[in-house]
PDB file of N, CA and C in Angstrom:
ATOM      1  N   MET A   1     107.584  76.149  74.516  1.00  0.00           N
ATOM      2  CA  MET A   1     108.362  76.884  75.244  1.00  0.00           C
ATOM      3  C   MET A   1     109.188  77.570  74.114  1.00  0.00           C
ATOM      4  N   ASP A   2     109.178  78.658  74.160  1.00  0.00           N
ATOM      5  CA  ASP A   2     110.286  79.403  73.035  1.00  0.00           C
ATOM      6  C   ASP A   2     111.871  79.496  73.796  1.00  0.00           C
ATOM      7  N   ILE A   3     113.127  80.088  72.258  1.00  0.00           N
ATOM      8  CA  ILE A   3     114.112  79.960  73.123  1.00  0.00           C
ATOM      9  C   ILE A   3     115.099  80.796  74.028  1.00  0.00           C
ATOM     10  N   ASN A   4     113.829  81.413  74.171  1.00  0.00           N
ATOM     11  CA  ASN A   4     114.229  83.252  75.186  1.00  0.00           C
ATOM     12  C   ASN A   4     113.315  82.559  76.257  1.00  0.00           C
ATOM     13  N   THR A   5     112.676  81.505  76.718  1.00  0.00           N
ATOM     14  CA  THR A   5     112.216  81.364  78.188  1.00  0.00           C
ATOM     15  C   THR A   5     113.075  80.438  78.413  1.00  0.00           C
ATOM     16  N   GLU A   6     113.251  79.539  77.428  1.00  0.00           N
ATOM     17  CA  GLU A   6     114.419  77.988  78.171  1.00  0.00           C
ATOM     18  C   GLU A   6     114.863  79.078  78.246  1.00  0.00           C
ATOM     19  N   ASP A   7     115.746  80.364  77.941  1.00  0.00           N
ATOM     20  CA  ASP A   7     117.009  80.362  78.307  1.00  0.00           C
ATOM     21  C   ASP A   7     117.217  81.535  80.027  1.00  0.00           C
ATOM     22  N   THR A   8     115.928  82.220  79.626  1.00  0.00           N
ATOM     23  CA  THR A   8     115.542  83.017  80.912  1.00  0.00           C
ATOM     24  C   THR A   8     115.173  81.971  82.361  1.00  0.00           C
ATOM     25  N   ASN A   9     114.843  80.821  82.051  1.00  0.00           N
ATOM     26  CA  ASN A   9     114.578  79.581  83.147  1.00  0.00           C
ATOM     27  C   ASN A   9     115.826  79.238  83.466  1.00  0.00           C
ATOM     28  N   VAL A  10     116.994  78.831  82.784  1.00  0.00           N
ATOM     29  CA  VAL A  10     117.908  78.650  82.668  1.00  0.00           C
ATOM     30  C   VAL A  10     118.982  79.528  83.564  1.00  0.00           C
ATOM     31  N   THR A  11     118.945  80.560  82.939  1.00  0.00           N
ATOM     32  CA  THR A  11     119.475  81.647  84.015  1.00  0.00           C
ATOM     33  C   THR A  11     119.072  81.598  85.141  1.00  0.00           C
ATOM     34  N   GLU A  12     117.137  81.551  85.384  1.00  0.00           N
ATOM     35  CA  GLU A  12     116.837  81.485  86.752  1.00  0.00           C
ATOM     36  C   GLU A  12     117.498  80.817  87.865  1.00  0.00           C
ATOM     37  N   VAL A  13     117.643  79.448  86.979  1.00  0.00           N
ATOM     38  CA  VAL A  13     117.724  78.095  87.880  1.00  0.00           C
ATOM     39  C   VAL A  13     119.393  78.101  88.905  1.00  0.00           C
ATOM     40  N   LYS A  14     120.764  78.677  87.665  1.00  0.00           N
ATOM     41  CA  LYS A  14     121.501  79.172  87.795  1.00  0.00           C
ATOM     42  C   LYS A  14     121.643  80.099  88.617  1.00  0.00           C
ATOM     43  N   ASN A  15     120.312  81.199  88.781  1.00  0.00           N
ATOM     44  CA  ASN A  15     120.804  82.321  90.003  1.00  0.00           C
ATOM     45  C   ASN A  15     120.826  81.630  91.297  1.00  0.00           C
ATOM     46  N   ILE A  16     119.087  81.375  91.047  1.00  0.00           N
ATOM     47  CA  ILE A  16     118.849  80.648  92.431  1.00  0.00           C
ATOM     48  C   ILE A  16     119.984  79.745  92.570  1.00  0.00           C
ATOM     49  N   ILE A  17     120.751  78.814  92.459  1.00  0.00           N
ATOM     50  CA  ILE A  17     121.438  77.866  93.156  1.00  0.00           C
ATOM     51  C   ILE A  17     122.797  78.479  93.842  1.00  0.00           C
ATOM     52  N   LYS A  18     123.457  79.253  92.736  1.00  0.00           N
ATOM     53  CA  LYS A  18     124.424  80.457  93.067  1.00  0.00           C
ATOM     54  C   LYS A  18     124.280  81.043  94.013  1.00  0.00           C
ATOM     55  N   ASN A  19     123.431  82.048  94.426  1.00  0.00           N
ATOM     56  CA  ASN A  19     122.708  82.802  95.015  1.00  0.00           C
ATOM     57  C   ASN A  19     122.409  81.582  96.535  1.00  0.00           C
ATOM     58  N   ILE A  20     121.911  80.738  96.345  1.00  0.00           N
ATOM     59  CA  ILE A  20     121.159  79.918  97.784  1.00  0.00           C
ATOM     60  C   ILE A  20     122.353  78.926  98.570  1.00  0.00           C
ATOM     61  N   THR A  21     122.995  77.936  97.914  1.00  0.00           N
ATOM     62  CA  THR A  21     124.164  77.605  97.399  1.00  0.00           C
ATOM     63  C   THR A  21     125.479  77.661  97.652  1.00  0.00           C
ATOM     64  N   GLY A  22     125.303  79.031  96.284  1.00  0.00           N
ATOM     65  CA  GLY A  22     127.376  79.296  96.775  1.00  0.00           C
ATOM     66  C   GLY A  22     127.708  78.277  95.311  1.00  0.00           C
ATOM     67  N   GLU A  23     126.968  77.626  95.003  1.00  0.00           N
ATOM     68  CA  GLU A  23     127.492  76.038  93.753  1.00  0.00           C
ATOM     69  C   GLU A  23     127.510  76.914  92.528  1.00  0.00           C
ATOM     70  N   GLU A  24     127.863  76.953  91.022  1.00  0.00           N
ATOM     71  CA  GLU A  24     127.945  77.549  89.861  1.00  0.00           C
ATOM     72  C   GLU A  24     127.396  76.097  89.321  1.00  0.00           C
ATOM     73  N   ILE A  25     126.587  76.079  88.446  1.00  0.00           N
ATOM     74  CA  ILE A  25     125.986  74.616  87.557  1.00  0.00           C
ATOM     75  C   ILE A  25     126.456  75.779  86.583  1.00  0.00           C
ATOM     76  N   GLY A  26     126.318  74.205  84.978  1.00  0.00           N
ATOM     77  CA  GLY A  26     126.293  75.195  83.742  1.00  0.00           C
ATOM     78  C   GLY A  26     125.151  75.065  83.125  1.00  0.00           C
ATOM     79  N   ASN A  27     124.871  75.029  82.244  1.00  0.00           N
ATOM     80  CA  ASN A  27     123.615  75.048  81.373  1.00  0.00           C
ATOM     81  C   ASN A  27     122.857  74.329  81.013  1.00  0.00           C
ATOM     82  N   LYS A  28     123.135  73.349  81.147  1.00  0.00           N
ATOM     83  CA  LYS A  28     122.667  71.887  80.199  1.00  0.00           C
ATOM     84  C   LYS A  28     122.275  71.215  81.972  1.00  0.00           C
ATOM     85  N   ALA A  29     122.629  71.830  82.928  1.00  0.00           N
ATOM     86  CA  ALA A  29     122.462  71.248  83.978  1.00  0.00           C
ATOM     87  C   ALA A  29     121.430  71.755  84.753  1.00  0.00           C
ATOM     88  N   ALA A  30     121.232  72.861  84.162  1.00  0.00           N
ATOM     89  CA  ALA A  30     119.811  74.334  84.643  1.00  0.00           C
ATOM     90  C   ALA A  30     118.870  73.817  84.448  1.00  0.00           C
ATOM     91  N   ASP A  31     119.273  72.934  83.135  1.00  0.00           N
ATOM     92  CA  ASP A  31     118.273  73.062  82.106  1.00  0.00           C
ATOM     93  C   ASP A  31     117.306  71.368  82.133  1.00  0.00           C
ATOM     94  N   GLN A  32     117.826  70.539  82.735  1.00  0.00           N
ATOM     95  CA  GLN A  32     118.244  69.235  83.309  1.00  0.00           C
ATOM     96  C   GLN A  32     116.993  69.378  84.533  1.00  0.00           C
ATOM     97  N   ILE A  33     117.460  70.362  85.719  1.00  0.00           N
ATOM     98  CA  ILE A  33     116.707  70.492  86.777  1.00  0.00           C
ATOM     99  C   ILE A  33     115.210  70.712  86.892  1.00  0.00           C
ATOM    100  N   TYR A  34     115.791  72.560  86.048  1.00  0.00           N
ATOM    101  CA  TYR A  34     113.939  72.375  85.369  1.00  0.00           C
ATOM    102  C   TYR A  34     113.565  71.449  84.957  1.00  0.00           C
ATOM    103  N   LYS A  35     113.981  70.988  84.340  1.00  0.00           N
ATOM    104  CA  LYS A  35     112.429  69.990  83.298  1.00  0.00           C
ATOM    105  C   LYS A  35     112.091  69.251  84.291  1.00  0.00           C
ATOM    106  N   ASN A  36     113.321  68.712  85.313  1.00  0.00           N
ATOM    107  CA  ASN A  36     112.598  67.687  86.199  1.00  0.00           C
ATOM    108  C   ASN A  36     111.305  68.607  87.611  1.00  0.00           C
ATOM    109  N   ALA A  37     111.618  69.997  87.108  1.00  0.00           N
ATOM    110  CA  ALA A  37     111.033  71.098  88.680  1.00  0.00           C
ATOM    111  C   ALA A  37     109.411  71.000  87.837  1.00  0.00           C
ATOM    112  N   VAL A  38     109.512  71.142  86.447  1.00  0.00           N
ATOM    113  CA  VAL A  38     107.595  70.890  86.550  1.00  0.00           C
ATOM    114  C   VAL A  38     107.408  69.685  85.820  1.00  0.00           C
ATOM    115  N   LYS A  39     107.929  68.756  86.258  1.00  0.00           N
ATOM    116  CA  LYS A  39     107.764  67.163  85.814  1.00  0.00           C
ATOM    117  C   LYS A  39     106.754  67.172  87.537  1.00  0.00           C
ATOM    118  N   HIS A  40     106.872  67.935  88.707  1.00  0.00           N
ATOM    119  CA  HIS A  40     107.082  67.109  89.917  1.00  0.00           C
ATOM    120  C   HIS A  40     105.557  67.744  89.781  1.00  0.00           C
ATOM    121  N   LYS A  41     104.706  66.877  90.359  1.00  0.00           N
ATOM    122  CA  LYS A  41     102.911  66.380  90.263  1.00  0.00           C
ATOM    123  C   LYS A  41     102.553  68.221  91.498  1.00  0.00           C
ATOM    124  N   GLU A  42     103.423  67.838  92.311  1.00  0.00           N
ATOM    125  CA  GLU A  42     102.659  69.352  93.293  1.00  0.00           C
ATOM    126  C   GLU A  42     103.391  70.867  92.704  1.00  0.00           C
ATOM    127  N   TYR A  43     104.335  70.959  92.289  1.00  0.00           N
ATOM    128  CA  TYR A  43     105.234  72.026  91.913  1.00  0.00           C
ATOM    129  C   TYR A  43     105.210  72.111  90.384  1.00  0.00           C
ATOM    130  N   GLY A  44     104.735  71.671  89.978  1.00  0.00           N
ATOM    131  CA  GLY A  44     104.795  71.824  88.241  1.00  0.00           C
ATOM    132  C   GLY A  44     104.453  72.942  87.788  1.00  0.00           C
ATOM    133  N   ASN A  45     103.818  73.797  88.819  1.00  0.00           N
ATOM    134  CA  ASN A  45     103.277  74.144  88.006  1.00  0.00           C
ATOM    135  C   ASN A  45     103.969  76.167  88.085  1.00  0.00           C
ATOM    136  N   ALA A  46     104.796  75.635  89.758  1.00  0.00           N
ATOM    137  CA  ALA A  46     105.594  76.669  90.080  1.00  0.00           C
ATOM    138  C   ALA A  46     107.475  76.352  90.044  1.00  0.00           C
ATOM    139  N   PRO A  47     107.530  75.829  88.834  1.00  0.00           N
ATOM    140  CA  PRO A  47     108.897  75.247  88.825  1.00  0.00           C
ATOM    141  C   PRO A  47     110.602  76.360  89.552  1.00  0.00           C
ATOM    142  N   LEU A  48     110.583  76.997  89.696  1.00  0.00           N
ATOM    143  CA  LEU A  48     111.124  78.181  90.685  1.00  0.00           C
ATOM    144  C   LEU A  48     111.130  78.339  91.809  1.00  0.00           C
ATOM    145  N   ASP A  49     110.494  77.817  92.353  1.00  0.00           N
ATOM    146  CA  ASP A  49     109.793  77.677  93.994  1.00  0.00           C
ATOM    147  C   ASP A  49     110.509  76.542  94.261  1.00  0.00           C
ATOM    148  N   LEU A  50     109.951  75.280  93.761  1.00  0.00           N
ATOM    149  CA  LEU A  50     110.499  74.458  93.808  1.00  0.00           C
ATOM    150  C   LEU A  50     112.408  73.611  94.159  1.00  0.00           C
ATOM    151  N   ILE A  51     112.944  75.119  92.765  1.00  0.00           N
ATOM    152  CA  ILE A  51     113.905  74.966  93.283  1.00  0.00           C
ATOM    153  C   ILE A  51     114.438  75.553  93.824  1.00  0.00           C
ATOM    154  N   GLY A  52     114.064  76.770  94.234  1.00  0.00           N
ATOM    155  CA  GLY A  52     114.651  77.477  95.122  1.00  0.00           C
ATOM    156  C   GLY A  52     114.049  76.366  96.873  1.00  0.00           C
ATOM    157  N   GLU A  53     113.072  76.290  97.444  1.00  0.00           N
ATOM    158  CA  GLU A  53     112.817  75.502  98.469  1.00  0.00           C
ATOM    159  C   GLU A  53     114.293  73.860  98.757  1.00  0.00           C
ATOM    160  N   VAL A  54     114.126  73.892  97.487  1.00  0.00           N
ATOM    161  CA  VAL A  54     115.291  72.246  96.718  1.00  0.00           C
ATOM    162  C   VAL A  54     116.448  72.484  97.174  1.00  0.00           C
ATOM    163  N   ALA A  55     116.644  74.418  97.434  1.00  0.00           N
ATOM    164  CA  ALA A  55     118.170  74.306  97.779  1.00  0.00           C
ATOM    165  C   ALA A  55     118.154  75.067  98.814  1.00  0.00           C
ATOM    166  N   GLU A  56     117.568  75.703  99.916  1.00  0.00           N
ATOM    167  CA  GLU A  56     117.702  76.207 101.160  1.00  0.00           C
ATOM    168  C   GLU A  56     117.756  74.480 101.321  1.00  0.00           C
ATOM    169  N   TYR A  57     116.661  73.466 100.727  1.00  0.00           N
ATOM    170  CA  TYR A  57     116.491  72.405 102.395  1.00  0.00           C
ATOM    171  C   TYR A  57     118.166  72.069 101.717  1.00  0.00           C
ATOM    172  N   SER A  58     119.061  71.902 100.275  1.00  0.00           N
ATOM    173  CA  SER A  58     120.328  71.224 100.502  1.00  0.00           C
ATOM    174  C   SER A  58     121.226  71.375 101.315  1.00  0.00           C
ATOM    175  N   LYS A  59     120.761  72.999 102.258  1.00  0.00           N
ATOM    176  CA  LYS A  59     121.867  73.161 102.960  1.00  0.00           C
ATOM    177  C   LYS A  59     122.202  72.731 104.317  1.00  0.00           C
ATOM    178  N   THR A  60     120.861  72.380 104.375  1.00  0.00           N
ATOM    179  CA  THR A  60     120.317  70.681 105.851  1.00  0.00           C
ATOM    180  C   THR A  60     121.446  70.010 105.041  1.00  0.00           C
ATOM    181  N   GLN A  61     121.744  69.514 103.657  1.00  0.00           N
ATOM    182  CA  GLN A  61     121.726  67.682 103.430  1.00  0.00           C
ATOM    183  C   GLN A  61     122.993  67.787 103.860  1.00  0.00           C
ATOM    184  N   ASP A  62     123.968  66.568 104.199  1.00  0.00           N
ATOM    185  CA  ASP A  62     124.992  66.150 104.550  1.00  0.00           C
ATOM    186  C   ASP A  62     124.895  65.568 102.805  1.00  0.00           C
ATOM    187  N   ILE A  63     125.132  66.250 101.583  1.00  0.00           N
ATOM    188  CA  ILE A  63     125.654  65.762  99.730  1.00  0.00           C
ATOM    189  C   ILE A  63     126.760  65.021  99.641  1.00  0.00           C
ATOM    190  N   LYS A  64     126.872  64.019  99.869  1.00  0.00           N
ATOM    191  CA  LYS A  64     128.160  63.115  99.091  1.00  0.00           C
ATOM    192  C   LYS A  64     127.421  62.879  98.064  1.00  0.00           C
ATOM    193  N   GLY A  65     128.990  63.105  97.220  1.00  0.00           N
ATOM    194  CA  GLY A  65     129.167  62.595  95.262  1.00  0.00           C
ATOM    195  C   GLY A  65     128.927  64.274  95.197  1.00  0.00           C
ATOM    196  N   GLY A  66     127.787  64.693  93.497  1.00  0.00           N
ATOM    197  CA  GLY A  66     128.037  65.520  93.101  1.00  0.00           C
ATOM    198  C   GLY A  66     126.488  66.226  93.874  1.00  0.00           C
ATOM    199  N   LEU A  67     126.276  67.819  93.750  1.00  0.00           N
ATOM    200  CA  LEU A  67     125.123  68.401  93.524  1.00  0.00           C
ATOM    201  C   LEU A  67     124.692  68.327  92.841  1.00  0.00           C
ATOM    202  N   ILE A  68     124.492  68.734  91.731  1.00  0.00           N
ATOM    203  CA  ILE A  68     123.745  68.034  90.436  1.00  0.00           C
ATOM    204  C   ILE A  68     123.369  66.969  90.377  1.00  0.00           C
ATOM    205  N   GLY A  69     123.840  65.536  90.672  1.00  0.00           N
ATOM    206  CA  GLY A  69     122.725  64.561  90.628  1.00  0.00           C
ATOM    207  C   GLY A  69     121.667  64.756  91.643  1.00  0.00           C
ATOM    208  N   TRP A  70     122.384  65.193  92.586  1.00  0.00           N
ATOM    209  CA  TRP A  70     121.432  64.937  94.405  1.00  0.00           C
ATOM    210  C   TRP A  70     119.607  66.129  93.840  1.00  0.00           C
ATOM    211  N   PHE A  71     120.140  67.091  93.126  1.00  0.00           N
ATOM    212  CA  PHE A  71     119.276  67.924  92.964  1.00  0.00           C
ATOM    213  C   PHE A  71     118.420  67.906  91.660  1.00  0.00           C
ATOM    214  N   LYS A  72     118.692  66.965  90.595  1.00  0.00           N
ATOM    215  CA  LYS A  72     118.045  66.484  90.218  1.00  0.00           C
ATOM    216  C   LYS A  72     117.033  65.418  90.844  1.00  0.00           C
ATOM    217  N   THR A  73     117.400  64.335  91.261  1.00  0.00           N
ATOM    218  CA  THR A  73     116.978  63.862  92.203  1.00  0.00           C
ATOM    219  C   THR A  73     115.851  64.095  92.941  1.00  0.00           C
ATOM    220  N   THR A  74     116.797  64.778  94.000  1.00  0.00           N
ATOM    221  CA  THR A  74     114.909  65.793  95.095  1.00  0.00           C
ATOM    222  C   THR A  74     114.726  66.272  94.397  1.00  0.00           C
ATOM    223  N   VAL A  75     114.688  67.429  93.169  1.00  0.00           N
ATOM    224  CA  VAL A  75     113.376  67.844  93.115  1.00  0.00           C
ATOM    225  C   VAL A  75     112.567  66.956  92.194  1.00  0.00           C
ATOM    226  N   ALA A  76     112.919  66.045  91.755  1.00  0.00           N
ATOM    227  CA  ALA A  76     111.326  65.161  90.699  1.00  0.00           C
ATOM    228  C   ALA A  76     110.618  64.733  91.947  1.00  0.00           C
ATOM    229  N   THR A  77     111.543  64.063  93.403  1.00  0.00           N
ATOM    230  CA  THR A  77     110.763  63.267  94.225  1.00  0.00           C
ATOM    231  C   THR A  77     110.530  64.381  95.721  1.00  0.00           C
ATOM    232  N   TYR A  78     110.641  65.470  95.479  1.00  0.00           N
ATOM    233  CA  TYR A  78     110.502  66.908  96.842  1.00  0.00           C
ATOM    234  C   TYR A  78     109.544  66.431  97.167  1.00  0.00           C
ATOM    235  N   GLU A  79     109.746  66.100  98.338  1.00  0.00           N
ATOM    236  CA  GLU A  79     108.199  66.642  99.497  1.00  0.00           C
ATOM    237  C   GLU A  79     108.583  67.192 100.441  1.00  0.00           C
ATOM    238  N   LYS A  80     107.850  68.222 101.440  1.00  0.00           N
ATOM    239  CA  LYS A  80     107.817  69.563 101.728  1.00  0.00           C
ATOM    240  C   LYS A  80     108.169  68.614 103.498  1.00  0.00           C
ATOM    241  N   PRO A  81     109.435  69.212 103.592  1.00  0.00           N
ATOM    242  CA  PRO A  81     109.648  68.139 105.310  1.00  0.00           C
ATOM    243  C   PRO A  81     108.832  68.072 106.852  1.00  0.00           C
ATOM    244  N   ILE A  82     108.325  67.975 106.791  1.00  0.00           N
ATOM    245  CA  ILE A  82     107.494  67.912 108.025  1.00  0.00           C
ATOM    246  C   ILE A  82     108.092  68.352 109.331  1.00  0.00           C
ATOM    247  N   LYS A  83     108.152  69.495 109.693  1.00  0.00           N
ATOM    248  CA  LYS A  83     108.554  69.826 110.848  1.00  0.00           C
ATOM    249  C   LYS A  83     107.615  69.492 112.696  1.00  0.00           C
ATOM    250  N   LYS A  84     108.665  68.659 113.284  1.00  0.00           N
ATOM    251  CA  LYS A  84     108.331  67.645 114.426  1.00  0.00           C
ATOM    252  C   LYS A  84     109.035  68.825 115.433  1.00  0.00           C
ATOM    253  N   PHE A  85     107.858  69.286 116.508  1.00  0.00           N
ATOM    254  CA  PHE A  85     107.706  69.764 117.598  1.00  0.00           C
ATOM    255  C   PHE A  85     108.351  69.183 118.776  1.00  0.00           C
ATOM    256  N   LYS A  86     109.094  69.212 119.285  1.00  0.00           N
ATOM    257  CA  LYS A  86     109.467  68.905 121.142  1.00  0.00           C
ATOM    258  C   LYS A  86     108.175  69.273 121.475  1.00  0.00           C
ATOM    259  N   LYS A  87     107.651  67.980 122.388  1.00  0.00           N
ATOM    260  CA  LYS A  87     106.465  68.657 123.258  1.00  0.00           C
ATOM    261  C   LYS A  87     107.294  68.863 124.446  1.00  0.00           C
ATOM    262  N   ASN A  88     106.728  69.725 124.849  1.00  0.00           N
ATOM    263  CA  ASN A  88     107.570  70.110 126.840  1.00  0.00           C
ATOM    264  C   ASN A  88     107.269  69.765 127.490  1.00  0.00           C
ATOM    265  N   ILE A  89     107.061  68.512 127.785  1.00  0.00           N
ATOM    266  CA  ILE A  89     106.703  67.678 128.948  1.00  0.00           C
ATOM    267  C   ILE A  89     106.528  68.259 130.609  1.00  0.00           C
ATOM    268  N   TYR A  90     107.139  69.208 130.966  1.00  0.00           N
ATOM    269  CA  TYR A  90     106.913  70.409 131.732  1.00  0.00           C
ATOM    270  C   TYR A  90     106.096  71.439 131.718  1.00  0.00           C
ATOM    271  N   ASN A  91     105.351  71.705 131.223  1.00  0.00           N
ATOM    272  CA  ASN A  91     104.428  72.708 130.913  1.00  0.00           C
ATOM    273  C   ASN A  91     103.060  71.926 130.239  1.00  0.00           C
ATOM    274  N   ASN A  92     103.112  70.509 129.699  1.00  0.00           N
ATOM    275  CA  ASN A  92     102.168  69.734 129.249  1.00  0.00           C
ATOM    276  C   ASN A  92     100.894  69.285 129.995  1.00  0.00           C
ATOM    277  N   HIS A  93     100.884  70.284 131.745  1.00  0.00           N
ATOM    278  CA  HIS A  93      99.613  69.706 132.130  1.00  0.00           C
ATOM    279  C   HIS A  93      99.456  71.185 132.820  1.00  0.00           C
ATOM    280  N   LYS A  94      98.064  70.993 133.648  1.00  0.00           N
ATOM    281  CA  LYS A  94      97.635  71.483 133.890  1.00  0.00           C
ATOM    282  C   LYS A  94      98.374  72.424 135.657  1.00  0.00           C
ATOM    283  N   GLN A  95      98.991  73.478 135.437  1.00  0.00           N
ATOM    284  CA  GLN A  95      99.472  74.313 136.013  1.00  0.00           C
ATOM    285  C   GLN A  95      98.770  74.436 138.284  1.00  0.00           C
ATOM    286  N   LYS A  96      99.397  74.559 138.510  1.00  0.00           N
ATOM    287  CA  LYS A  96      98.778  74.697 139.712  1.00  0.00           C
ATOM    288  C   LYS A  96      98.237  76.254 140.162  1.00  0.00           C
ATOM    289  N   GLU A  97      97.870  76.130 141.145  1.00  0.00           N
ATOM    290  CA  GLU A  97      97.150  78.191 141.819  1.00  0.00           C
ATOM    291  C   GLU A  97      97.633  78.267 142.535  1.00  0.00           C
ATOM    292  N   TYR A  98      98.182  79.559 142.692  1.00  0.00           N
ATOM    293  CA  TYR A  98      98.435  80.331 143.848  1.00  0.00           C
ATOM    294  C   TYR A  98      98.431  80.764 144.599  1.00  0.00           C
ATOM    295  N   ASP A  99      98.029  80.845 145.703  1.00  0.00           N
ATOM    296  CA  ASP A  99      97.811  82.424 146.347  1.00  0.00           C
ATOM    297  C   ASP A  99      99.077  83.406 146.773  1.00  0.00           C
ATOM    298  N   ILE A 100      99.383  84.581 145.933  1.00  0.00           N
ATOM    299  CA  ILE A 100     100.256  84.837 145.883  1.00  0.00           C
ATOM    300  C   ILE A 100     100.341  85.806 146.609  1.00  0.00           C
ATOM    301  N   LYS A 101      99.381  86.107 146.698  1.00  0.00           N
ATOM    302  CA  LYS A 101      99.203  87.265 148.147  1.00  0.00           C
ATOM    303  C   LYS A 101      99.492  86.941 149.240  1.00  0.00           C
ATOM    304  N   SER A 102      99.619  86.198 150.137  1.00  0.00           N
ATOM    305  CA  SER A 102     100.137  85.287 151.223  1.00  0.00           C
ATOM    306  C   SER A 102     101.037  84.623 150.842  1.00  0.00           C
ATOM    307  N   ILE A 103     101.508  84.070 149.566  1.00  0.00           N
ATOM    308  CA  ILE A 103     102.611  83.582 149.881  1.00  0.00           C
ATOM    309  C   ILE A 103     103.776  84.718 149.852  1.00  0.00           C
ATOM    310  N   GLU A 104     103.439  85.868 149.462  1.00  0.00           N
ATOM    311  CA  GLU A 104     103.789  86.619 149.464  1.00  0.00           C
ATOM    312  C   GLU A 104     104.661  87.008 151.661  1.00  0.00           C
ATOM    313  N   ARG A 105     103.572  87.894 152.119  1.00  0.00           N
ATOM    314  CA  ARG A 105     102.649  87.934 152.999  1.00  0.00           C
ATOM    315  C   ARG A 105     103.863  87.051 154.208  1.00  0.00           C
ATOM    316  N   LYS A 106     103.488  85.872 154.137  1.00  0.00           N
ATOM    317  CA  LYS A 106     104.966  84.497 154.403  1.00  0.00           C
ATOM    318  C   LYS A 106     105.866  85.428 153.861  1.00  0.00           C
ATOM    319  N   LEU A 107     106.503  85.044 152.690  1.00  0.00           N
ATOM    320  CA  LEU A 107     108.211  85.673 152.679  1.00  0.00           C
ATOM    321  C   LEU A 107     108.289  86.629 153.414  1.00  0.00           C
ATOM    322  N   LEU A 108     107.742  87.984 153.465  1.00  0.00           N
ATOM    323  CA  LEU A 108     108.291  89.264 153.968  1.00  0.00           C
ATOM    324  C   LEU A 108     107.626  88.659 155.375  1.00  0.00           C
ATOM    325  N   GLY A 109     106.930  88.062 156.166  1.00  0.00           N
ATOM    326  CA  GLY A 109     107.176  88.416 157.169  1.00  0.00           C
ATOM    327  C   GLY A 109     105.721  89.185 157.842  1.00  0.00           C
ATOM    328  N   TRP A 110     105.192  89.711 156.621  1.00  0.00           N
ATOM    329  CA  TRP A 110     104.021  90.671 157.531  1.00  0.00           C
ATOM    330  C   TRP A 110     103.143  89.707 158.730  1.00  0.00           C
ATOM    331  N   ASP A 111     102.545  88.441 157.792  1.00  0.00           N
ATOM    332  CA  ASP A 111     101.906  87.268 158.385  1.00  0.00           C
ATOM    333  C   ASP A 111     102.149  87.299 159.857  1.00  0.00           C
ATOM    334  N   LYS A 112     103.431  87.185 160.236  1.00  0.00           N
ATOM    335  CA  LYS A 112     103.407  87.133 161.982  1.00  0.00           C
ATOM    336  C   LYS A 112     103.802  88.696 162.562  1.00  0.00           C
ATOM    337  N   GLU A 113     103.817  89.257 161.773  1.00  0.00           N
ATOM    338  CA  GLU A 113     103.329  90.855 162.427  1.00  0.00           C
ATOM    339  C   GLU A 113     101.541  90.701 162.927  1.00  0.00           C
ATOM    340  N   GLU A 114     101.280  90.750 161.619  1.00  0.00           N
ATOM    341  CA  GLU A 114      99.330  90.334 161.723  1.00  0.00           C
ATOM    342  C   GLU A 114      99.253  90.156 162.939  1.00  0.00           C
ATOM    343  N   GLU A 115      99.873  88.599 162.884  1.00  0.00           N
ATOM    344  CA  GLU A 115      99.515  87.577 163.913  1.00  0.00           C
ATOM    345  C   GLU A 115      99.576  88.978 165.403  1.00  0.00           C
ATOM    346  N   GLY A 116     100.769  88.939 164.790  1.00  0.00           N
ATOM    347  CA  GLY A 116     101.309  89.624 166.634  1.00  0.00           C
ATOM    348  C   GLY A 116     100.482  91.457 166.980  1.00  0.00           C
ATOM    349  N   ALA A 117      99.488  91.786 165.580  1.00  0.00           N
ATOM    350  CA  ALA A 117      98.505  92.369 166.144  1.00  0.00           C
ATOM    351  C   ALA A 117      97.365  92.710 167.084  1.00  0.00           C
ATOM    352  N   GLU A 118      97.303  91.237 165.998  1.00  0.00           N
ATOM    353  CA  GLU A 118      95.389  90.697 166.897  1.00  0.00           C
ATOM    354  C   GLU A 118      95.858  90.534 168.090  1.00  0.00           C
ATOM    355  N   GLN A 119      97.018  89.734 168.113  1.00  0.00           N
ATOM    356  CA  GLN A 119      97.378  89.781 170.234  1.00  0.00           C
ATOM    357  C   GLN A 119      97.344  90.438 170.852  1.00  0.00           C
ATOM    358  N   ASN A 120      97.567  91.710 170.335  1.00  0.00           N
ATOM    359  CA  ASN A 120      97.540  92.841 171.514  1.00  0.00           C
ATOM    360  C   ASN A 120      96.731  93.201 170.908  1.00  0.00           C
ATOM    361  N   ASP A 121      95.517  93.437 170.801  1.00  0.00           N
ATOM    362  CA  ASP A 121      93.999  94.401 170.134  1.00  0.00           C
ATOM    363  C   ASP A 121      93.391  93.740 171.049  1.00  0.00           C
TER     364      ASP A 121
END
């Protein structure tokens, strides 16, 4: 990798972190984060995508201590969080079937009118 590419990557890392987290980091820290991202087994081919994902993830974490140390460690070991879906126990069974027209007639009192009309015939 040539120096211009390295500088571009460092600048990209700094921009990603600043745009997502609002934190500014130095060139050395950005370079270390980038190098850790390149070594990642799953994201090694897309280190800037990994850094962006980790930056988004950092917003959900209560980071105690330094952001840079957390970032370097997390970038090296990051696994995409598995979203847990809550089971809706109210709707996890077959719903009852209703005769809506019959219920409507009863609620509006039409069934009584029909019975009265039948008795008068």
